[in-house]
């Protein structure tokens, strides 16, 4: 996920004042953790003005009232979708999945075969291609993984993209970059030129809506967490809180994979040892 950054034509019909932009930016920071600089004002104006016109809302002040009104959850979800752009692909940053195959999964598979529990989390999973990639690697190494207590969780703050992830249907071109050893026998998509992730891989992943800036609801810990190209759009204090929450959610010896432009910082850094490109090992001591 990223804060939407493409320049779009300004909408001349509804004026977004500096005060209104500041209010929207503060709301986005408080509820989503998004840090929006003043340079985003033209884009926010363009995208939100279309929405306001469509719903016959006359001013941004009236719109801001709706964010705390009777349909607040839906309004907030739509705002989030308008402020962000989801960028993802299968096997994005492939070195992480090579580490998953070589270093992370072998001891976890052995543990599972002995009756142990294994949990992997794709946080900020967007439309689902990351957790399905994890599932594909797992299936290649352990085709009968369903026999064991191994679960993959995919979460995102945006309910719209989570629904897309659950369906697992994508343009056929999205599957072209999958390495040959992991090529999937796709199911037919509901639309022409689309394919669907096969059922046996969809069965390996559970999806849910989760806001990373709020306390995590999990009781158990994770053996690996992928959260890539999400925290870069938080400010530094928020990043540090998220890193610390991830560190506390990892088992000792658990792995954290972050985006190529992100770096570990704050209290969690003393426990997270660099073991590869944007790859960290939890060593709580």
Protein backbone atom coordinates (compact mmCIF):
# COMPACT_ATOMS: atom_id res chain seq x y z
CA UNK A 1 0.00 0.00 0.00
CA UNK A 2 1.17 3.55 -0.67
CA UNK A 3 -0.27 7.01 -0.31
CA UNK A 4 -1.68 7.82 -3.70
CA UNK A 5 0.89 9.84 -5.60
CA UNK A 6 -0.21 10.23 -9.21
CA UNK A 7 -0.93 13.79 -10.28
CA UNK A 8 -4.52 14.22 -11.45
CA UNK A 9 -6.40 17.19 -12.91
CA UNK A 10 -7.75 19.57 -10.30
CA UNK A 11 -11.51 19.62 -9.78
CA UNK A 12 -12.64 23.23 -10.02
CA UNK A 13 -16.14 22.65 -8.61
CA UNK A 14 -15.42 22.17 -4.89
CA UNK A 15 -12.64 24.05 -3.12
CA UNK A 16 -10.41 22.24 -0.63
CA UNK A 17 -9.11 24.93 1.71
CA UNK A 18 -5.86 24.56 3.61
CA UNK A 19 -7.91 24.20 6.77
CA UNK A 20 -10.01 21.40 5.26
CA UNK A 21 -6.91 19.62 3.97
CA UNK A 22 -5.31 19.84 7.41
CA UNK A 23 -8.45 18.34 8.94
CA UNK A 24 -8.43 15.44 6.46
CA UNK A 25 -4.70 14.91 6.96
CA UNK A 26 -5.13 14.86 10.74
CA UNK A 27 -8.01 12.41 10.41
CA UNK A 28 -5.96 10.13 8.13
CA UNK A 29 -3.05 10.23 10.57
CA UNK A 30 -5.18 9.54 13.62
CA UNK A 31 -7.19 6.67 12.14
CA UNK A 32 -4.89 5.14 9.50
CA UNK A 33 -1.41 6.30 10.48
CA UNK A 34 -0.96 7.97 7.08
CA UNK A 35 1.44 10.92 7.09
CA UNK A 36 0.28 13.34 4.38
CA UNK A 37 2.39 16.35 3.45
CA UNK A 38 0.88 19.56 2.01
CA UNK A 39 2.19 18.47 -1.42
CA UNK A 40 -0.64 15.89 -1.48
CA UNK A 41 -3.32 18.58 -1.36
CA UNK A 42 -3.98 18.76 -5.16
CA UNK A 43 -4.35 15.01 -5.38
CA UNK A 44 -6.62 14.81 -2.33
CA UNK A 45 -8.73 17.62 -3.74
CA UNK A 46 -9.07 15.89 -7.10
CA UNK A 47 -10.01 12.48 -5.75
CA UNK A 48 -12.34 13.61 -2.99
CA UNK A 49 -14.07 16.27 -5.12
CA UNK A 50 -15.31 13.57 -7.48
CA UNK A 51 -16.75 11.67 -4.56
CA UNK A 52 -18.42 14.76 -3.12
CA UNK A 53 -19.96 15.67 -6.47
CA UNK A 54 -21.28 12.16 -6.97
CA UNK A 55 -22.92 12.17 -3.52
CA UNK A 56 -24.14 15.76 -3.89
CA UNK A 57 -22.10 16.94 -0.90
CA UNK A 58 -21.57 20.68 -1.22
CA UNK A 59 -18.46 21.29 0.90
CA UNK A 60 -15.55 19.44 2.43
CA UNK A 61 -16.76 20.56 5.86
CA UNK A 62 -20.01 18.65 5.24
CA UNK A 63 -17.98 15.65 4.13
CA UNK A 64 -15.84 15.74 7.27
CA UNK A 65 -19.00 15.52 9.37
CA UNK A 66 -19.90 12.28 7.58
CA UNK A 67 -16.68 10.66 8.75
CA UNK A 68 -18.17 10.64 12.26
CA UNK A 69 -21.79 10.10 11.18
CA UNK A 70 -24.13 7.08 11.04
CA UNK A 71 -22.23 5.44 8.14
CA UNK A 72 -18.80 6.35 9.47
CA UNK A 73 -17.23 2.91 8.90
CA UNK A 74 -18.12 2.87 5.22
CA UNK A 75 -17.14 6.51 4.73
CA UNK A 76 -13.78 5.94 6.40
CA UNK A 77 -13.14 2.83 4.30
CA UNK A 78 -13.89 4.77 1.12
CA UNK A 79 -11.64 7.62 2.24
CA UNK A 80 -8.79 5.20 2.83
CA UNK A 81 -9.26 3.70 -0.63
CA UNK A 82 -9.17 7.16 -2.18
CA UNK A 83 -6.03 8.22 -0.29
CA UNK A 84 -4.00 5.09 -1.03
CA UNK A 85 -2.89 3.07 -4.01
CA UNK A 86 -2.27 -0.66 -3.61
CA UNK A 87 0.85 -1.88 -5.40
CA UNK A 88 1.67 -5.56 -5.23
CA UNK A 89 2.68 -8.56 -7.32
CA UNK A 90 3.50 -12.24 -6.98
CA UNK A 91 7.10 -12.85 -5.80
CA UNK A 92 7.78 -9.14 -5.38
CA UNK A 93 11.31 -8.70 -3.95
CA UNK A 94 12.12 -12.36 -4.69
CA UNK A 95 15.12 -12.51 -2.33
CA UNK A 96 12.67 -12.55 0.58
CA UNK A 97 10.99 -15.67 -0.74
CA UNK A 98 14.35 -17.33 -1.33
CA UNK A 99 15.11 -16.70 2.35
CA UNK A 100 11.68 -18.09 3.20
CA UNK A 101 12.44 -21.25 1.20
CA UNK A 102 16.01 -21.80 2.39
CA UNK A 103 16.11 -20.53 5.96
CA UNK A 104 12.65 -19.94 7.38
CA UNK A 105 10.45 -22.81 6.31
CA UNK A 106 12.69 -25.91 6.70
CA UNK A 107 12.85 -25.83 10.55
CA UNK A 108 9.21 -24.74 10.74
CA UNK A 109 8.13 -27.68 8.59
CA UNK A 110 10.10 -30.04 10.82
CA UNK A 111 8.41 -28.56 13.85
CA UNK A 112 4.98 -28.96 12.26
CA UNK A 113 5.68 -32.60 11.41
CA UNK A 114 6.35 -33.19 15.10
CA UNK A 115 3.00 -31.67 16.05
CA UNK A 116 4.12 -28.06 16.50
CA UNK A 117 2.34 -24.87 15.55
CA UNK A 118 3.46 -22.60 12.67
CA UNK A 119 2.08 -19.14 11.91
CA UNK A 120 3.06 -16.69 9.13
CA UNK A 121 1.55 -13.22 8.76
CA UNK A 122 1.36 -11.00 5.69
CA UNK A 123 0.57 -7.58 7.18
CA UNK A 124 -0.60 -4.96 4.70
CA UNK A 125 -1.32 -7.75 2.23
CA UNK A 126 -3.19 -5.52 -0.25
CA UNK A 127 -5.10 -7.64 -2.81
CA UNK A 128 -3.49 -10.86 -1.61
CA UNK A 129 -0.64 -11.70 -3.95
CA UNK A 130 1.95 -11.69 -1.15
CA UNK A 131 0.24 -14.29 1.11
CA UNK A 132 -0.57 -16.43 -1.93
CA UNK A 133 3.12 -16.32 -2.84
CA UNK A 134 3.97 -17.53 0.67
CA UNK A 135 1.41 -20.32 0.25
CA UNK A 136 2.93 -21.31 -3.11
CA UNK A 137 6.40 -21.62 -1.59
CA UNK A 138 5.02 -23.64 1.31
CA UNK A 139 3.09 -25.95 -1.04
CA UNK A 140 6.18 -26.60 -3.16
CA UNK A 141 8.06 -27.68 -0.04
CA UNK A 142 5.20 -29.46 1.72
CA UNK A 143 2.31 -30.41 -0.61
CA UNK A 144 0.34 -31.94 2.27
CA UNK A 145 0.68 -28.87 4.51
CA UNK A 146 -3.05 -29.05 5.23
CA UNK A 147 -2.36 -32.08 7.45
CA UNK A 148 -0.39 -29.93 9.87
CA UNK A 149 -0.98 -26.92 12.10
CA UNK A 150 0.41 -24.40 9.62
CA UNK A 151 -1.56 -21.22 8.94
CA UNK A 152 -0.96 -18.12 6.84
CA UNK A 153 -2.75 -14.89 7.73
CA UNK A 154 -3.21 -11.95 5.38
CA UNK A 155 -4.48 -8.63 6.73
CA UNK A 156 -4.99 -5.13 5.40
CA UNK A 157 -6.63 -1.99 6.77
CA UNK A 158 -8.78 -1.63 3.63
CA UNK A 159 -11.86 -3.92 3.60
CA UNK A 160 -12.20 -3.47 -0.18
CA UNK A 161 -8.81 -4.98 -0.98
CA UNK A 162 -9.32 -7.74 1.59
CA UNK A 163 -12.44 -8.84 -0.28
CA UNK A 164 -10.45 -8.90 -3.52
CA UNK A 165 -7.75 -10.96 -1.81
CA UNK A 166 -10.27 -13.52 -0.59
CA UNK A 167 -11.51 -14.08 -4.15
CA UNK A 168 -7.96 -14.51 -5.48
CA UNK A 169 -8.78 -13.48 -9.03
CA UNK A 170 -6.30 -11.40 -11.03
CA UNK A 171 -5.46 -10.44 -14.63
CA UNK A 172 -3.59 -13.27 -16.34
CA UNK A 173 -0.59 -10.98 -16.84
CA UNK A 174 -0.17 -10.79 -13.06
CA UNK A 175 0.74 -14.49 -13.00
CA UNK A 176 3.43 -14.22 -15.68
CA UNK A 177 6.24 -13.30 -13.29
CA UNK A 178 5.87 -16.40 -11.11
CA UNK A 179 9.04 -18.56 -11.28
CA UNK A 180 8.53 -21.76 -13.25
CA UNK A 181 8.97 -23.99 -10.20
CA UNK A 182 5.94 -22.33 -8.61
CA UNK A 183 3.68 -22.00 -11.65
CA UNK A 184 0.05 -22.52 -10.69
CA UNK A 185 -2.63 -24.42 -12.55
CA UNK A 186 -5.05 -21.52 -12.51
CA UNK A 187 -8.78 -21.74 -12.21
CA UNK A 188 -10.82 -19.83 -14.77
CA UNK A 189 -11.64 -16.29 -13.70
CA UNK A 190 -15.12 -14.83 -13.73
CA UNK A 191 -13.99 -12.27 -16.32
CA UNK A 192 -12.12 -12.77 -19.61
CA UNK A 193 -8.32 -12.53 -19.37
CA UNK A 194 -8.36 -13.30 -15.66
CA UNK A 195 -7.34 -16.33 -13.65
CA UNK A 196 -7.94 -17.44 -10.10
CA UNK A 197 -5.47 -18.78 -7.57
CA UNK A 198 -6.22 -22.50 -7.23
CA UNK A 199 -8.40 -23.62 -4.37
CA UNK A 200 -5.68 -25.60 -2.60
CA UNK A 201 -3.62 -22.40 -2.22
CA UNK A 202 -6.60 -20.25 -1.26
CA UNK A 203 -7.36 -22.76 1.49
CA UNK A 204 -3.98 -22.09 3.06
CA UNK A 205 -4.62 -18.38 3.66
CA UNK A 206 -7.06 -16.65 6.01
CA UNK A 207 -7.77 -12.96 5.41
CA UNK A 208 -8.96 -10.22 7.73
CA UNK A 209 -9.15 -6.47 8.21
CA UNK A 210 -6.60 -5.05 10.64
CA UNK A 211 -5.23 -1.58 11.39
CA UNK A 212 -1.51 -1.76 12.19
CA UNK A 213 -1.55 1.37 14.36
CA UNK A 214 -4.03 -0.20 16.77
CA UNK A 215 -3.19 -2.95 19.31
CA UNK A 216 -2.90 -6.34 17.64
CA UNK A 217 -5.66 -8.78 18.67
CA UNK A 218 -3.54 -11.96 18.52
CA UNK A 219 -2.90 -14.23 21.48
CA UNK A 220 -0.22 -16.37 19.86
CA UNK A 221 3.01 -15.31 18.19
CA UNK A 222 4.17 -15.53 14.59
CA UNK A 223 7.19 -17.32 13.18
CA UNK A 224 7.51 -14.89 10.26
CA UNK A 225 5.94 -11.54 9.44
CA UNK A 226 5.96 -9.85 6.05
CA UNK A 227 5.18 -6.12 6.15
CA UNK A 228 6.69 -4.56 3.08
CA UNK A 229 6.31 -1.06 1.67
CA UNK A 230 3.68 -0.07 4.23
CA UNK A 231 5.60 1.54 7.09
CA UNK A 232 7.42 3.90 4.75
CA UNK A 233 4.20 5.91 4.58
CA UNK A 234 4.11 6.35 8.36
CA UNK A 235 6.08 9.04 10.16
CA UNK A 236 9.01 7.95 12.28
CA UNK A 237 7.21 7.72 15.66
CA UNK A 238 4.47 5.58 14.11
CA UNK A 239 7.03 3.39 12.36
CA UNK A 240 8.81 2.76 15.64
CA UNK A 241 5.58 1.75 17.35
CA UNK A 242 4.76 -0.67 14.54
CA UNK A 243 8.26 -2.21 14.55
CA UNK A 244 8.00 -2.69 18.30
CA UNK A 245 4.58 -4.31 17.98
CA UNK A 246 5.92 -6.70 15.33
CA UNK A 247 8.95 -7.58 17.45
CA UNK A 248 6.73 -8.44 20.38
CA UNK A 249 4.49 -10.52 18.08
CA UNK A 250 7.36 -12.67 16.81
CA UNK A 251 8.60 -15.88 18.36
CA UNK A 252 12.27 -15.87 19.44
CA UNK A 253 14.13 -16.57 16.21
CA UNK A 254 11.19 -15.34 14.13
CA UNK A 255 11.75 -13.38 10.93
CA UNK A 256 10.52 -9.94 9.87
CA UNK A 257 10.60 -8.92 6.19
CA UNK A 258 10.17 -5.22 5.38
CA UNK A 259 10.23 -3.13 2.20
CA UNK A 260 13.32 -2.16 0.23
CA UNK A 261 13.02 1.52 1.28
CA UNK A 262 12.33 0.81 4.95
CA UNK A 263 14.73 0.51 7.85
CA UNK A 264 14.36 -0.76 11.40
CA UNK A 265 14.48 1.93 14.10
CA UNK A 266 13.44 2.65 17.66
CA UNK A 267 13.26 0.28 20.65
CA UNK A 268 12.73 -2.81 18.48
CA UNK A 269 16.08 -2.33 16.71
CA UNK A 270 18.04 -3.62 19.72
CA UNK A 271 16.35 -7.01 19.33
CA UNK A 272 16.08 -7.30 15.53
CA UNK A 273 19.29 -8.57 13.94
CA UNK A 274 19.89 -7.93 10.24
CA UNK A 275 20.26 -11.28 8.45
CA UNK A 276 19.73 -10.23 4.84
CA UNK A 277 18.39 -7.46 2.63
CA UNK A 278 15.61 -5.83 4.71
CA UNK A 279 15.35 -9.11 6.63
CA UNK A 280 15.53 -9.27 10.42
CA UNK A 281 15.76 -12.01 13.01
CA UNK A 282 14.13 -11.56 16.42
CA UNK A 283 16.76 -12.08 19.12
CA UNK A 284 15.11 -10.94 22.38
CA UNK A 285 17.95 -12.35 24.48
